Amino acid sequence: MATLMRSSLALLLLWPIGGAAEPLTAKDAASHVGETATVCGKVVSADYASRVKGQPTFLNFDAAYPHQVFTIVIWGDDRAKFGTPETSLMGKRVCATGKIRLFHDVPEMVVGDPAKLVQE
């Protein structure tokens, strides 16, 4: 019984605090589709598609559209909370937290809360 308790204690001590995982690179995001994670990268191209349904803002990491490695999508309904991210975050390294999904074979994340998109 004492051995079992020591083993359990050792596992608890080795468990990451708060269960937080290391941030992923934009390139690594493709291997984590369907997971909720933090993805970090440099915004190298950005676009506010004001004439497109839903008025999305796209922030592309590590390579410019159409060769982006990862994309953050901010829908028009949430845009006011972020100001003008296509200009304020251009060229900056940022981290976004949310669920990773694929859109046309490119990993992306929809972010609606500014607290989930932070500049490093």
PDB file of N, CA and C in Angstrom:
ATOM      1  N   MET A   1       0.828  -1.188   0.000  1.00  0.00           N
ATOM      2  CA  MET A   1       0.000   0.000   0.000  1.00  0.00           C
ATOM      3  C   MET A   1       0.874   1.255   0.000  1.00  0.00           C
ATOM      4  N   ALA A   2       1.944   1.242   0.808  1.00  0.00           N
ATOM      5  CA  ALA A   2       2.837   2.402   0.873  1.00  0.00           C
ATOM      6  C   ALA A   2       3.504   2.635  -0.482  1.00  0.00           C
ATOM      7  N   THR A   3       3.852   1.556  -1.199  1.00  0.00           N
ATOM      8  CA  THR A   3       4.474   1.680  -2.522  1.00  0.00           C
ATOM      9  C   THR A   3       3.490   2.311  -3.501  1.00  0.00           C
ATOM     10  N   LEU A   4       2.237   1.911  -3.444  1.00  0.00           N
ATOM     11  CA  LEU A   4       1.209   2.475  -4.305  1.00  0.00           C
ATOM     12  C   LEU A   4       1.027   3.964  -4.027  1.00  0.00           C
ATOM     13  N   MET A   5       1.032   4.344  -2.775  1.00  0.00           N
ATOM     14  CA  MET A   5       0.879   5.749  -2.412  1.00  0.00           C
ATOM     15  C   MET A   5       2.077   6.563  -2.906  1.00  0.00           C
ATOM     16  N   ARG A   6       3.301   6.013  -2.769  1.00  0.00           N
ATOM     17  CA  ARG A   6       4.492   6.724  -3.257  1.00  0.00           C
ATOM     18  C   ARG A   6       4.439   6.879  -4.769  1.00  0.00           C
ATOM     19  N   SER A   7       3.985   5.841  -5.468  1.00  0.00           N
ATOM     20  CA  SER A   7       3.875   5.905  -6.929  1.00  0.00           C
ATOM     21  C   SER A   7       2.861   6.963  -7.345  1.00  0.00           C
ATOM     22  N   SER A   8       1.737   7.015  -6.644  1.00  0.00           N
ATOM     23  CA  SER A   8       0.715   8.018  -6.942  1.00  0.00           C
ATOM     24  C   SER A   8       1.242   9.420  -6.690  1.00  0.00           C
ATOM     25  N   LEU A   9       1.967   9.594  -5.598  1.00  0.00           N
ATOM     26  CA  LEU A   9       2.548  10.891  -5.274  1.00  0.00           C
ATOM     27  C   LEU A   9       3.563  11.308  -6.332  1.00  0.00           C
ATOM     28  N   ALA A  10       4.371  10.368  -6.781  1.00  0.00           N
ATOM     29  CA  ALA A  10       5.369  10.659  -7.813  1.00  0.00           C
ATOM     30  C   ALA A  10       4.687  11.093  -9.105  1.00  0.00           C
ATOM     31  N   LEU A  11       3.593  10.428  -9.488  1.00  0.00           N
ATOM     32  CA  LEU A  11       2.857  10.814 -10.694  1.00  0.00           C
ATOM     33  C   LEU A  11       2.287  12.218 -10.558  1.00  0.00           C
ATOM     34  N   LEU A  12       1.739  12.530  -9.402  1.00  0.00           N
ATOM     35  CA  LEU A  12       1.192  13.871  -9.179  1.00  0.00           C
ATOM     36  C   LEU A  12       2.277  14.938  -9.277  1.00  0.00           C
ATOM     37  N   LEU A  13       3.444  14.653  -8.761  1.00  0.00           N
ATOM     38  CA  LEU A  13       4.532  15.625  -8.808  1.00  0.00           C
ATOM     39  C   LEU A  13       5.059  15.826 -10.224  1.00  0.00           C
ATOM     40  N   LEU A  14       4.948  14.799 -11.063  1.00  0.00           N
ATOM     41  CA  LEU A  14       5.425  14.895 -12.433  1.00  0.00           C
ATOM     42  C   LEU A  14       4.383  15.475 -13.386  1.00  0.00           C
ATOM     43  N   TRP A  15       3.121  15.513 -12.972  1.00  0.00           N
ATOM     44  CA  TRP A  15       2.046  16.031 -13.811  1.00  0.00           C
ATOM     45  C   TRP A  15       2.248  17.533 -14.007  1.00  0.00           C
ATOM     46  N   PRO A  16       2.078  18.047 -15.245  1.00  0.00           N
ATOM     47  CA  PRO A  16       2.255  19.488 -15.464  1.00  0.00           C
ATOM     48  C   PRO A  16       1.286  20.302 -14.618  1.00  0.00           C
ATOM     49  N   ILE A  17       1.779  21.369 -14.055  1.00  0.00           N
ATOM     50  CA  ILE A  17       0.953  22.237 -13.216  1.00  0.00           C
ATOM     51  C   ILE A  17      -0.178  22.792 -14.059  1.00  0.00           C
ATOM     52  N   GLY A  18      -1.398  22.631 -13.568  1.00  0.00           N
ATOM     53  CA  GLY A  18      -2.565  23.125 -14.271  1.00  0.00           C
ATOM     54  C   GLY A  18      -2.871  22.344 -15.540  1.00  0.00           C
ATOM     55  N   GLY A  19      -2.128  21.288 -15.820  1.00  0.00           N
ATOM     56  CA  GLY A  19      -2.371  20.501 -17.012  1.00  0.00           C
ATOM     57  C   GLY A  19      -1.981  21.229 -18.287  1.00  0.00           C
ATOM     58  N   ALA A  20      -1.303  22.365 -18.181  1.00  0.00           N
ATOM     59  CA  ALA A  20      -0.947  23.157 -19.348  1.00  0.00           C
ATOM     60  C   ALA A  20       0.159  22.492 -20.139  1.00  0.00           C
ATOM     61  N   ALA A  21      -0.023  22.469 -21.443  1.00  0.00           N
ATOM     62  CA  ALA A  21       0.987  21.897 -22.331  1.00  0.00           C
ATOM     63  C   ALA A  21       1.825  23.025 -22.921  1.00  0.00           C
ATOM     64  N   GLU A  22       2.967  22.664 -23.448  1.00  0.00           N
ATOM     65  CA  GLU A  22       3.820  23.642 -24.118  1.00  0.00           C
ATOM     66  C   GLU A  22       3.102  24.160 -25.362  1.00  0.00           C
ATOM     67  N   PRO A  23       3.288  25.427 -25.710  1.00  0.00           N
ATOM     68  CA  PRO A  23       2.684  25.950 -26.946  1.00  0.00           C
ATOM     69  C   PRO A  23       3.227  25.214 -28.169  1.00  0.00           C
ATOM     70  N   LEU A  24       2.394  25.124 -29.175  1.00  0.00           N
ATOM     71  CA  LEU A  24       2.776  24.497 -30.431  1.00  0.00           C
ATOM     72  C   LEU A  24       3.300  25.551 -31.395  1.00  0.00           C
ATOM     73  N   THR A  25       4.155  25.145 -32.308  1.00  0.00           N
ATOM     74  CA  THR A  25       4.539  26.027 -33.407  1.00  0.00           C
ATOM     75  C   THR A  25       3.419  25.947 -34.448  1.00  0.00           C
ATOM     76  N   ALA A  26       3.402  26.913 -35.348  1.00  0.00           N
ATOM     77  CA  ALA A  26       2.400  26.902 -36.416  1.00  0.00           C
ATOM     78  C   ALA A  26       2.510  25.601 -37.221  1.00  0.00           C
ATOM     79  N   LYS A  27       3.726  25.169 -37.475  1.00  0.00           N
ATOM     80  CA  LYS A  27       3.962  23.941 -38.245  1.00  0.00           C
ATOM     81  C   LYS A  27       3.414  22.714 -37.511  1.00  0.00           C
ATOM     82  N   ASP A  28       3.546  22.677 -36.193  1.00  0.00           N
ATOM     83  CA  ASP A  28       3.085  21.533 -35.403  1.00  0.00           C
ATOM     84  C   ASP A  28       1.564  21.456 -35.276  1.00  0.00           C
ATOM     85  N   ALA A  29       0.873  22.554 -35.529  1.00  0.00           N
ATOM     86  CA  ALA A  29      -0.585  22.592 -35.352  1.00  0.00           C
ATOM     87  C   ALA A  29      -1.299  21.544 -36.196  1.00  0.00           C
ATOM     88  N   ALA A  30      -0.789  21.257 -37.387  1.00  0.00           N
ATOM     89  CA  ALA A  30      -1.428  20.280 -38.273  1.00  0.00           C
ATOM     90  C   ALA A  30      -1.507  18.894 -37.647  1.00  0.00           C
ATOM     91  N   SER A  31      -0.624  18.598 -36.726  1.00  0.00           N
ATOM     92  CA  SER A  31      -0.629  17.296 -36.052  1.00  0.00           C
ATOM     93  C   SER A  31      -1.554  17.265 -34.844  1.00  0.00           C
ATOM     94  N   HIS A  32      -2.247  18.381 -34.593  1.00  0.00           N
ATOM     95  CA  HIS A  32      -3.095  18.474 -33.404  1.00  0.00           C
ATOM     96  C   HIS A  32      -4.516  18.935 -33.733  1.00  0.00           C
ATOM     97  N   VAL A  33      -4.962  18.654 -34.953  1.00  0.00           N
ATOM     98  CA  VAL A  33      -6.318  19.024 -35.370  1.00  0.00           C
ATOM     99  C   VAL A  33      -7.327  18.347 -34.452  1.00  0.00           C
ATOM    100  N   GLY A  34      -8.319  19.114 -34.033  1.00  0.00           N
ATOM    101  CA  GLY A  34      -9.351  18.613 -33.135  1.00  0.00           C
ATOM    102  C   GLY A  34      -9.035  18.835 -31.672  1.00  0.00           C
ATOM    103  N   GLU A  35      -7.818  19.261 -31.382  1.00  0.00           N
ATOM    104  CA  GLU A  35      -7.396  19.508 -30.004  1.00  0.00           C
ATOM    105  C   GLU A  35      -7.486  20.998 -29.675  1.00  0.00           C
ATOM    106  N   THR A  36      -7.649  21.289 -28.404  1.00  0.00           N
ATOM    107  CA  THR A  36      -7.554  22.659 -27.926  1.00  0.00           C
ATOM    108  C   THR A  36      -6.116  22.863 -27.476  1.00  0.00           C
ATOM    109  N   ALA A  37      -5.475  23.884 -28.017  1.00  0.00           N
ATOM    110  CA  ALA A  37      -4.055  24.107 -27.747  1.00  0.00           C
ATOM    111  C   ALA A  37      -3.721  25.584 -27.912  1.00  0.00           C
ATOM    112  N   THR A  38      -2.493  25.927 -27.568  1.00  0.00           N
ATOM    113  CA  THR A  38      -1.951  27.257 -27.827  1.00  0.00           C
ATOM    114  C   THR A  38      -0.950  27.122 -28.965  1.00  0.00           C
ATOM    115  N   VAL A  39      -1.127  27.955 -29.982  1.00  0.00           N
ATOM    116  CA  VAL A  39      -0.262  27.931 -31.160  1.00  0.00           C
ATOM    117  C   VAL A  39       0.395  29.302 -31.287  1.00  0.00           C
ATOM    118  N   CYS A  40       1.719  29.313 -31.460  1.00  0.00           N
ATOM    119  CA  CYS A  40       2.465  30.562 -31.571  1.00  0.00           C
ATOM    120  C   CYS A  40       3.155  30.657 -32.918  1.00  0.00           C
ATOM    121  N   GLY A  41       3.205  31.873 -33.450  1.00  0.00           N
ATOM    122  CA  GLY A  41       3.890  32.103 -34.709  1.00  0.00           C
ATOM    123  C   GLY A  41       3.919  33.578 -35.034  1.00  0.00           C
ATOM    124  N   LYS A  42       4.592  33.899 -36.120  1.00  0.00           N
ATOM    125  CA  LYS A  42       4.708  35.288 -36.567  1.00  0.00           C
ATOM    126  C   LYS A  42       3.638  35.574 -37.619  1.00  0.00           C
ATOM    127  N   VAL A  43       2.913  36.671 -37.438  1.00  0.00           N
ATOM    128  CA  VAL A  43       1.904  37.082 -38.406  1.00  0.00           C
ATOM    129  C   VAL A  43       2.643  37.718 -39.586  1.00  0.00           C
ATOM    130  N   VAL A  44       2.630  37.030 -40.741  1.00  0.00           N
ATOM    131  CA  VAL A  44       3.363  37.519 -41.903  1.00  0.00           C
ATOM    132  C   VAL A  44       2.454  38.047 -43.008  1.00  0.00           C
ATOM    133  N   SER A  45       1.167  37.718 -42.931  1.00  0.00           N
ATOM    134  CA  SER A  45       0.191  38.337 -43.816  1.00  0.00           C
ATOM    135  C   SER A  45      -1.136  38.361 -43.086  1.00  0.00           C
ATOM    136  N   ALA A  46      -1.941  39.353 -43.410  1.00  0.00           N
ATOM    137  CA  ALA A  46      -3.216  39.519 -42.723  1.00  0.00           C
ATOM    138  C   ALA A  46      -4.196  40.212 -43.660  1.00  0.00           C
ATOM    139  N   ASP A  47      -5.482  39.919 -43.471  1.00  0.00           N
ATOM    140  CA  ASP A  47      -6.496  40.517 -44.325  1.00  0.00           C
ATOM    141  C   ASP A  47      -7.809  40.625 -43.577  1.00  0.00           C
ATOM    142  N   TYR A  48      -8.426  41.791 -43.679  1.00  0.00           N
ATOM    143  CA  TYR A  48      -9.785  41.992 -43.185  1.00  0.00           C
ATOM    144  C   TYR A  48     -10.678  41.915 -44.416  1.00  0.00           C
ATOM    145  N   ALA A  49     -11.414  40.832 -44.546  1.00  0.00           N
ATOM    146  CA  ALA A  49     -12.261  40.595 -45.717  1.00  0.00           C
ATOM    147  C   ALA A  49     -13.640  41.208 -45.473  1.00  0.00           C
ATOM    148  N   SER A  50     -13.717  42.519 -45.511  1.00  0.00           N
ATOM    149  CA  SER A  50     -14.938  43.248 -45.154  1.00  0.00           C
ATOM    150  C   SER A  50     -16.103  42.987 -46.104  1.00  0.00           C
ATOM    151  N   ARG A  51     -15.832  42.533 -47.310  1.00  0.00           N
ATOM    152  CA  ARG A  51     -16.898  42.296 -48.292  1.00  0.00           C
ATOM    153  C   ARG A  51     -17.311  40.827 -48.379  1.00  0.00           C
ATOM    154  N   VAL A  52     -16.706  39.991 -47.543  1.00  0.00           N
ATOM    155  CA  VAL A  52     -17.011  38.561 -47.520  1.00  0.00           C
ATOM    156  C   VAL A  52     -18.028  38.301 -46.408  1.00  0.00           C
ATOM    157  N   LYS A  53     -18.919  37.335 -46.636  1.00  0.00           N
ATOM    158  CA  LYS A  53     -19.917  36.970 -45.625  1.00  0.00           C
ATOM    159  C   LYS A  53     -19.238  36.703 -44.285  1.00  0.00           C
ATOM    160  N   GLY A  54     -19.715  37.319 -43.232  1.00  0.00           N
ATOM    161  CA  GLY A  54     -19.159  37.144 -41.894  1.00  0.00           C
ATOM    162  C   GLY A  54     -18.004  38.080 -41.591  1.00  0.00           C
ATOM    163  N   GLN A  55     -17.536  38.810 -42.596  1.00  0.00           N
ATOM    164  CA  GLN A  55     -16.451  39.788 -42.456  1.00  0.00           C
ATOM    165  C   GLN A  55     -15.273  39.265 -41.627  1.00  0.00           C
ATOM    166  N   PRO A  56     -14.670  38.164 -42.063  1.00  0.00           N
ATOM    167  CA  PRO A  56     -13.554  37.613 -41.288  1.00  0.00           C
ATOM    168  C   PRO A  56     -12.271  38.420 -41.424  1.00  0.00           C
ATOM    169  N   THR A  57     -11.468  38.348 -40.384  1.00  0.00           N
ATOM    170  CA  THR A  57     -10.094  38.840 -40.423  1.00  0.00           C
ATOM    171  C   THR A  57      -9.218  37.604 -40.340  1.00  0.00           C
ATOM    172  N   PHE A  58      -8.250  37.509 -41.249  1.00  0.00           N
ATOM    173  CA  PHE A  58      -7.343  36.369 -41.298  1.00  0.00           C
ATOM    174  C   PHE A  58      -5.939  36.819 -40.910  1.00  0.00           C
ATOM    175  N   LEU A  59      -5.352  36.125 -39.967  1.00  0.00           N
ATOM    176  CA  LEU A  59      -3.961  36.363 -39.568  1.00  0.00           C
ATOM    177  C   LEU A  59      -3.188  35.092 -39.910  1.00  0.00           C
ATOM    178  N   ASN A  60      -2.284  35.175 -40.861  1.00  0.00           N
ATOM    179  CA  ASN A  60      -1.548  34.011 -41.349  1.00  0.00           C
ATOM    180  C   ASN A  60      -0.161  33.948 -40.735  1.00  0.00           C
ATOM    181  N   PHE A  61       0.168  32.788 -40.191  1.00  0.00           N
ATOM    182  CA  PHE A  61       1.431  32.579 -39.495  1.00  0.00           C
ATOM    183  C   PHE A  61       2.490  31.991 -40.416  1.00  0.00           C
ATOM    184  N   ASP A  62       3.701  32.499 -40.287  1.00  0.00           N
ATOM    185  CA  ASP A  62       4.943  31.925 -40.804  1.00  0.00           C
ATOM    186  C   ASP A  62       5.137  31.930 -42.317  1.00  0.00           C
ATOM    187  N   ALA A  63       4.083  32.027 -43.098  1.00  0.00           N
ATOM    188  CA  ALA A  63       4.181  32.177 -44.552  1.00  0.00           C
ATOM    189  C   ALA A  63       2.926  32.909 -45.012  1.00  0.00           C
ATOM    190  N   ALA A  64       3.072  33.736 -46.027  1.00  0.00           N
ATOM    191  CA  ALA A  64       1.947  34.539 -46.504  1.00  0.00           C
ATOM    192  C   ALA A  64       0.928  33.690 -47.277  1.00  0.00           C
ATOM    193  N   TYR A  65      -0.321  34.137 -47.226  1.00  0.00           N
ATOM    194  CA  TYR A  65      -1.378  33.529 -48.023  1.00  0.00           C
ATOM    195  C   TYR A  65      -0.957  33.584 -49.489  1.00  0.00           C
ATOM    196  N   PRO A  66      -1.107  32.543 -50.263  1.00  0.00           N
ATOM    197  CA  PRO A  66      -1.853  31.307 -50.026  1.00  0.00           C
ATOM    198  C   PRO A  66      -1.001  30.134 -49.523  1.00  0.00           C
ATOM    199  N   HIS A  67       0.164  30.421 -49.022  1.00  0.00           N
ATOM    200  CA  HIS A  67       1.062  29.368 -48.536  1.00  0.00           C
ATOM    201  C   HIS A  67       1.178  29.366 -47.012  1.00  0.00           C
ATOM    202  N   GLN A  68       0.209  29.940 -46.336  1.00  0.00           N
ATOM    203  CA  GLN A  68       0.241  30.048 -44.876  1.00  0.00           C
ATOM    204  C   GLN A  68       0.363  28.673 -44.231  1.00  0.00           C
ATOM    205  N   VAL A  69       1.015  28.673 -43.070  1.00  0.00           N
ATOM    206  CA  VAL A  69       1.221  27.441 -42.309  1.00  0.00           C
ATOM    207  C   VAL A  69       0.062  27.230 -41.339  1.00  0.00           C
ATOM    208  N   PHE A  70      -0.509  28.342 -40.860  1.00  0.00           N
ATOM    209  CA  PHE A  70      -1.576  28.313 -39.864  1.00  0.00           C
ATOM    210  C   PHE A  70      -2.312  29.642 -39.964  1.00  0.00           C
ATOM    211  N   THR A  71      -3.622  29.629 -39.733  1.00  0.00           N
ATOM    212  CA  THR A  71      -4.418  30.854 -39.825  1.00  0.00           C
ATOM    213  C   THR A  71      -5.276  31.040 -38.583  1.00  0.00           C
ATOM    214  N   ILE A  72      -5.299  32.277 -38.098  1.00  0.00           N
ATOM    215  CA  ILE A  72      -6.246  32.684 -37.055  1.00  0.00           C
ATOM    216  C   ILE A  72      -7.389  33.394 -37.767  1.00  0.00           C
ATOM    217  N   VAL A  73      -8.621  33.050 -37.412  1.00  0.00           N
ATOM    218  CA  VAL A  73      -9.798  33.696 -37.982  1.00  0.00           C
ATOM    219  C   VAL A  73     -10.518  34.443 -36.867  1.00  0.00           C
ATOM    220  N   ILE A  74     -10.784  35.722 -37.107  1.00  0.00           N
ATOM    221  CA  ILE A  74     -11.591  36.536 -36.192  1.00  0.00           C
ATOM    222  C   ILE A  74     -12.817  36.964 -36.993  1.00  0.00           C
ATOM    223  N   TRP A  75     -13.994  36.513 -36.587  1.00  0.00           N
ATOM    224  CA  TRP A  75     -15.211  36.854 -37.311  1.00  0.00           C
ATOM    225  C   TRP A  75     -15.621  38.302 -37.046  1.00  0.00           C
ATOM    226  N   GLY A  76     -16.326  38.887 -37.994  1.00  0.00           N
ATOM    227  CA  GLY A  76     -16.744  40.283 -37.927  1.00  0.00           C
ATOM    228  C   GLY A  76     -17.496  40.640 -36.662  1.00  0.00           C
ATOM    229  N   ASP A  77     -18.308  39.730 -36.139  1.00  0.00           N
ATOM    230  CA  ASP A  77     -19.056  39.998 -34.902  1.00  0.00           C
ATOM    231  C   ASP A  77     -18.132  40.243 -33.714  1.00  0.00           C
ATOM    232  N   ASP A  78     -16.923  39.707 -33.760  1.00  0.00           N
ATOM    233  CA  ASP A  78     -15.959  39.846 -32.666  1.00  0.00           C
ATOM    234  C   ASP A  78     -14.876  40.883 -32.947  1.00  0.00           C
ATOM    235  N   ARG A  79     -14.825  41.377 -34.162  1.00  0.00           N
ATOM    236  CA  ARG A  79     -13.724  42.232 -34.608  1.00  0.00           C
ATOM    237  C   ARG A  79     -13.508  43.466 -33.735  1.00  0.00           C
ATOM    238  N   ALA A  80     -14.564  44.116 -33.314  1.00  0.00           N
ATOM    239  CA  ALA A  80     -14.442  45.353 -32.512  1.00  0.00           C
ATOM    240  C   ALA A  80     -13.652  45.118 -31.228  1.00  0.00           C
ATOM    241  N   LYS A  81     -13.700  43.921 -30.692  1.00  0.00           N
ATOM    242  CA  LYS A  81     -12.965  43.601 -29.463  1.00  0.00           C
ATOM    243  C   LYS A  81     -11.453  43.612 -29.684  1.00  0.00           C
ATOM    244  N   PHE A  82     -11.025  43.445 -30.936  1.00  0.00           N
ATOM    245  CA  PHE A  82      -9.612  43.321 -31.264  1.00  0.00           C
ATOM    246  C   PHE A  82      -9.016  44.584 -31.897  1.00  0.00           C
ATOM    247  N   GLY A  83      -9.846  45.574 -32.204  1.00  0.00           N
ATOM    248  CA  GLY A  83      -9.348  46.760 -32.894  1.00  0.00           C
ATOM    249  C   GLY A  83      -9.119  46.440 -34.357  1.00  0.00           C
ATOM    250  N   THR A  84      -7.901  46.660 -34.826  1.00  0.00           N
ATOM    251  CA  THR A  84      -7.541  46.345 -36.213  1.00  0.00           C
ATOM    252  C   THR A  84      -6.365  45.360 -36.200  1.00  0.00           C
ATOM    253  N   PRO A  85      -6.631  44.101 -35.892  1.00  0.00           N
ATOM    254  CA  PRO A  85      -5.545  43.135 -35.735  1.00  0.00           C
ATOM    255  C   PRO A  85      -4.717  42.931 -36.997  1.00  0.00           C
ATOM    256  N   GLU A  86      -5.308  43.168 -38.161  1.00  0.00           N
ATOM    257  CA  GLU A  86      -4.558  42.976 -39.405  1.00  0.00           C
ATOM    258  C   GLU A  86      -3.420  43.984 -39.544  1.00  0.00           C
ATOM    259  N   THR A  87      -3.511  45.107 -38.814  1.00  0.00           N
ATOM    260  CA  THR A  87      -2.404  46.060 -38.817  1.00  0.00           C
ATOM    261  C   THR A  87      -1.622  46.028 -37.511  1.00  0.00           C
ATOM    262  N   SER A  88      -2.333  45.940 -36.387  1.00  0.00           N
ATOM    263  CA  SER A  88      -1.642  45.997 -35.091  1.00  0.00           C
ATOM    264  C   SER A  88      -0.786  44.763 -34.814  1.00  0.00           C
ATOM    265  N   LEU A  89      -1.133  43.626 -35.406  1.00  0.00           N
ATOM    266  CA  LEU A  89      -0.381  42.389 -35.146  1.00  0.00           C
ATOM    267  C   LEU A  89       0.531  41.988 -36.306  1.00  0.00           C
ATOM    268  N   MET A  90       0.464  42.717 -37.399  1.00  0.00           N
ATOM    269  CA  MET A  90       1.302  42.386 -38.565  1.00  0.00           C
ATOM    270  C   MET A  90       2.776  42.446 -38.184  1.00  0.00           C
ATOM    271  N   GLY A  91       3.504  41.377 -38.494  1.00  0.00           N
ATOM    272  CA  GLY A  91       4.929  41.300 -38.201  1.00  0.00           C
ATOM    273  C   GLY A  91       5.259  40.930 -36.765  1.00  0.00           C
ATOM    274  N   LYS A  92       4.240  40.730 -35.948  1.00  0.00           N
ATOM    275  CA  LYS A  92       4.444  40.405 -34.531  1.00  0.00           C
ATOM    276  C   LYS A  92       4.339  38.896 -34.319  1.00  0.00           C
ATOM    277  N   ARG A  93       4.974  38.446 -33.263  1.00  0.00           N
ATOM    278  CA  ARG A  93       4.839  37.048 -32.847  1.00  0.00           C
ATOM    279  C   ARG A  93       3.700  36.991 -31.839  1.00  0.00           C
ATOM    280  N   VAL A  94       2.715  36.157 -32.110  1.00  0.00           N
ATOM    281  CA  VAL A  94       1.546  36.040 -31.251  1.00  0.00           C
ATOM    282  C   VAL A  94       1.258  34.577 -30.934  1.00  0.00           C
ATOM    283  N   CYS A  95       0.488  34.380 -29.869  1.00  0.00           N
ATOM    284  CA  CYS A  95       0.028  33.050 -29.478  1.00  0.00           C
ATOM    285  C   CYS A  95      -1.491  33.094 -29.366  1.00  0.00           C
ATOM    286  N   ALA A  96      -2.129  32.075 -29.890  1.00  0.00           N
ATOM    287  CA  ALA A  96      -3.583  31.969 -29.831  1.00  0.00           C
ATOM    288  C   ALA A  96      -3.957  30.642 -29.190  1.00  0.00           C
ATOM    289  N   THR A  97      -5.010  30.674 -28.392  1.00  0.00           N
ATOM    290  CA  THR A  97      -5.472  29.472 -27.720  1.00  0.00           C
ATOM    291  C   THR A  97      -6.897  29.174 -28.159  1.00  0.00           C
ATOM    292  N   GLY A  98      -7.135  27.930 -28.554  1.00  0.00           N
ATOM    293  CA  GLY A  98      -8.455  27.501 -28.987  1.00  0.00           C
ATOM    294  C   GLY A  98      -8.375  26.139 -29.640  1.00  0.00           C
ATOM    295  N   LYS A  99      -9.469  25.757 -30.284  1.00  0.00           N
ATOM    296  CA  LYS A  99      -9.540  24.446 -30.939  1.00  0.00           C
ATOM    297  C   LYS A  99      -8.991  24.566 -32.363  1.00  0.00           C
ATOM    298  N   ILE A 100      -8.094  23.666 -32.701  1.00  0.00           N
ATOM    299  CA  ILE A 100      -7.482  23.640 -34.025  1.00  0.00           C
ATOM    300  C   ILE A 100      -8.377  22.811 -34.950  1.00  0.00           C
ATOM    301  N   ARG A 101      -8.642  23.372 -36.134  1.00  0.00           N
ATOM    302  CA  ARG A 101      -9.417  22.647 -37.134  1.00  0.00           C
ATOM    303  C   ARG A 101      -8.737  22.815 -38.489  1.00  0.00           C
ATOM    304  N   LEU A 102      -9.181  22.054 -39.464  1.00  0.00           N
ATOM    305  CA  LEU A 102      -8.648  22.177 -40.821  1.00  0.00           C
ATOM    306  C   LEU A 102      -9.659  22.891 -41.697  1.00  0.00           C
ATOM    307  N   PHE A 103      -9.176  23.778 -42.550  1.00  0.00           N
ATOM    308  CA  PHE A 103      -9.994  24.418 -43.568  1.00  0.00           C
ATOM    309  C   PHE A 103      -9.176  24.403 -44.849  1.00  0.00           C
ATOM    310  N   HIS A 104      -9.661  23.682 -45.844  1.00  0.00           N
ATOM    311  CA  HIS A 104      -8.924  23.498 -47.107  1.00  0.00           C
ATOM    312  C   HIS A 104      -7.497  23.015 -46.839  1.00  0.00           C
ATOM    313  N   ASP A 105      -7.371  22.039 -45.961  1.00  0.00           N
ATOM    314  CA  ASP A 105      -6.090  21.395 -45.624  1.00  0.00           C
ATOM    315  C   ASP A 105      -5.094  22.292 -44.891  1.00  0.00           C
ATOM    316  N   VAL A 106      -5.539  23.438 -44.407  1.00  0.00           N
ATOM    317  CA  VAL A 106      -4.673  24.332 -43.636  1.00  0.00           C
ATOM    318  C   VAL A 106      -5.223  24.395 -42.209  1.00  0.00           C
ATOM    319  N   PRO A 107      -4.379  24.154 -41.205  1.00  0.00           N
ATOM    320  CA  PRO A 107      -4.875  24.270 -39.829  1.00  0.00           C
ATOM    321  C   PRO A 107      -5.208  25.718 -39.507  1.00  0.00           C
ATOM    322  N   GLU A 108      -6.307  25.888 -38.787  1.00  0.00           N
ATOM    323  CA  GLU A 108      -6.739  27.224 -38.386  1.00  0.00           C
ATOM    324  C   GLU A 108      -7.413  27.169 -37.028  1.00  0.00           C
ATOM    325  N   MET A 109      -7.635  28.355 -36.482  1.00  0.00           N
ATOM    326  CA  MET A 109      -8.292  28.488 -35.191  1.00  0.00           C
ATOM    327  C   MET A 109      -9.161  29.738 -35.237  1.00  0.00           C
ATOM    328  N   VAL A 110     -10.394  29.611 -34.798  1.00  0.00           N
ATOM    329  CA  VAL A 110     -11.274  30.769 -34.677  1.00  0.00           C
ATOM    330  C   VAL A 110     -11.084  31.327 -33.274  1.00  0.00           C
ATOM    331  N   VAL A 111     -10.821  32.636 -33.193  1.00  0.00           N
ATOM    332  CA  VAL A 111     -10.621  33.289 -31.904  1.00  0.00           C
ATOM    333  C   VAL A 111     -11.641  34.420 -31.783  1.00  0.00           C
ATOM    334  N   GLY A 112     -12.405  34.401 -30.707  1.00  0.00           N
ATOM    335  CA  GLY A 112     -13.415  35.421 -30.489  1.00  0.00           C
ATOM    336  C   GLY A 112     -13.191  36.256 -29.239  1.00  0.00           C
ATOM    337  N   ASP A 113     -12.194  35.890 -28.458  1.00  0.00           N
ATOM    338  CA  ASP A 113     -11.899  36.560 -27.193  1.00  0.00           C
ATOM    339  C   ASP A 113     -10.464  37.077 -27.240  1.00  0.00           C
ATOM    340  N   PRO A 114     -10.275  38.391 -27.097  1.00  0.00           N
ATOM    341  CA  PRO A 114      -8.915  38.939 -27.148  1.00  0.00           C
ATOM    342  C   PRO A 114      -7.963  38.326 -26.120  1.00  0.00           C
ATOM    343  N   ALA A 115      -8.475  37.812 -25.021  1.00  0.00           N
ATOM    344  CA  ALA A 115      -7.623  37.178 -24.020  1.00  0.00           C
ATOM    345  C   ALA A 115      -6.991  35.890 -24.558  1.00  0.00           C
ATOM    346  N   LYS A 116      -7.561  35.353 -25.633  1.00  0.00           N
ATOM    347  CA  LYS A 116      -7.046  34.115 -26.232  1.00  0.00           C
ATOM    348  C   LYS A 116      -6.047  34.373 -27.355  1.00  0.00           C
ATOM    349  N   LEU A 117      -5.742  35.646 -27.602  1.00  0.00           N
ATOM    350  CA  LEU A 117      -4.778  36.019 -28.651  1.00  0.00           C
ATOM    351  C   LEU A 117      -3.834  37.056 -28.069  1.00  0.00           C
ATOM    352  N   VAL A 118      -2.639  36.627 -27.735  1.00  0.00           N
ATOM    353  CA  VAL A 118      -1.700  37.520 -27.049  1.00  0.00           C
ATOM    354  C   VAL A 118      -0.397  37.660 -27.825  1.00  0.00           C
ATOM    355  N   GLN A 119       0.127  38.863 -27.771  1.00  0.00           N
ATOM    356  CA  GLN A 119       1.421  39.143 -28.392  1.00  0.00           C
ATOM    357  C   GLN A 119       2.519  38.716 -27.446  1.00  0.00           C
ATOM    358  N   GLU A 120       3.529  38.027 -27.978  1.00  0.00           N
ATOM    359  CA  GLU A 120       4.655  37.591 -27.145  1.00  0.00           C
ATOM    360  C   GLU A 120       5.619  38.727 -26.912  1.00  0.00           C
TER     361      GLU A 120
END
